[in-house]
Structure formats: structure tokens, C-alpha cells
Amino acid sequence: MKNKLSAWQKLFLLFAGVLLISSAIFLTQSYFSYQQVKAASDQCYDQGGFPKVVKSGFEVQVFECNFYDQAND
């Protein structure tokens, strides 16, 4: 005999599925945003600069690679 799910169980499963998918999307966006900033910062450091990063949410609003000029002391 098959055990059918009640309406509350179906609603709970739907909510859990949506929560799982939303969490996966959020984590993916966070990871790729971090990787973008890390790659740009590493390139700046490799050129001898110091990065300045301003983020809003997952987007990079400002990225500057500042170089210290020793001749201007």
C-alpha cells in the first residue's frame, strides 16, 4: 500500500526545495564574486600595486590598483 503525502508535507517539501536551490545560487554567486576580486587583486599585487576594492553586494563597484611612487617622498 502506498503512503500518500498530506498537503502540509507537500508544502514543506516544496519550501525545502526552494530553500535549497536559493542557498545554492547564493553560495555560487558569493564564490564567483570572491574569485573575481581575488584574481584582480593578485594581478595588481603581481604588478607591484596595492588594490582598492569597493563592493556592493556581489558586484565590484570600484577597483583601483594603486602604485606607491618612491620618487615622490
Protein backbone atom coordinates (compact mmCIF):
# COMPACT_ATOMS: atom_id res chain seq x y z
CA MET A 1 0.00 0.00 0.00
CA LYS A 2 1.33 3.46 -0.97
CA ASN A 3 1.57 6.15 1.65
CA LYS A 4 0.41 9.45 0.13
CA LEU A 5 1.77 12.78 1.32
CA SER A 6 -0.55 15.23 3.02
CA ALA A 7 -0.90 18.82 1.82
CA TRP A 8 1.35 20.07 4.64
CA GLN A 9 4.06 17.58 3.77
CA LYS A 10 3.95 18.63 0.11
CA LEU A 11 4.16 22.29 1.13
CA PHE A 12 7.11 21.55 3.43
CA LEU A 13 8.94 19.64 0.68
CA LEU A 14 8.33 22.47 -1.78
CA PHE A 15 9.61 25.03 0.73
CA ALA A 16 12.69 22.92 1.49
CA GLY A 17 13.43 22.52 -2.22
CA VAL A 18 13.14 26.25 -2.89
CA LEU A 19 15.33 27.00 0.13
CA LEU A 20 17.97 24.52 -1.05
CA ILE A 21 18.05 25.95 -4.58
CA SER A 22 18.16 29.54 -3.29
CA SER A 23 21.03 28.68 -0.97
CA ALA A 24 22.96 27.04 -3.80
CA ILE A 25 22.52 30.11 -6.02
CA PHE A 26 23.58 32.46 -3.21
CA LEU A 27 26.69 30.41 -2.43
CA THR A 28 27.62 30.21 -6.11
CA GLN A 29 27.34 33.99 -6.52
CA SER A 30 29.40 34.55 -3.38
CA TYR A 31 32.12 32.19 -4.57
CA PHE A 32 32.44 33.72 -8.04
CA SER A 33 32.39 37.26 -6.63
CA TYR A 34 35.24 36.31 -4.29
CA GLN A 35 37.18 34.69 -7.15
CA GLN A 36 36.77 37.80 -9.33
CA VAL A 37 38.17 40.10 -6.63
CA LYS A 38 40.94 37.65 -5.75
CA ALA A 39 42.10 37.33 -9.37
CA ALA A 40 42.10 41.09 -9.95
CA SER A 41 43.90 41.73 -6.65
CA ASP A 42 46.52 39.09 -7.39
CA GLN A 43 47.24 40.70 -10.77
CA CYS A 44 47.58 44.09 -9.07
CA TYR A 45 49.98 42.68 -6.47
CA ASP A 46 51.99 40.97 -9.23
CA GLN A 47 52.49 44.38 -10.88
CA GLY A 48 53.68 45.90 -7.60
CA GLY A 49 50.49 47.74 -6.73
CA PHE A 50 48.03 47.75 -3.89
CA PRO A 51 44.38 47.09 -4.76
CA LYS A 52 41.46 49.18 -3.56
CA VAL A 53 38.15 47.34 -3.87
CA VAL A 54 34.66 48.66 -3.16
CA LYS A 55 31.87 46.12 -3.41
CA SER A 56 28.13 46.45 -3.23
CA GLY A 57 26.54 43.09 -2.72
CA PHE A 58 28.13 40.76 -5.23
CA GLU A 59 29.20 43.50 -7.66
CA VAL A 60 32.54 45.29 -7.70
CA GLN A 61 31.74 48.99 -7.82
CA VAL A 62 35.31 50.31 -7.75
CA PHE A 63 38.61 48.57 -8.38
CA GLU A 64 41.82 50.55 -8.38
CA CYS A 65 45.39 49.36 -8.49
CA ASN A 66 47.42 52.00 -6.66
CA PHE A 67 51.18 52.16 -7.05
CA TYR A 68 53.49 53.68 -4.46
CA ASP A 69 55.93 56.03 -6.14
CA GLN A 70 59.14 56.29 -4.10
CA ALA A 71 60.36 59.29 -6.12
CA ASN A 72 57.57 61.46 -4.60
CA ASP A 73 58.74 61.17 -0.96
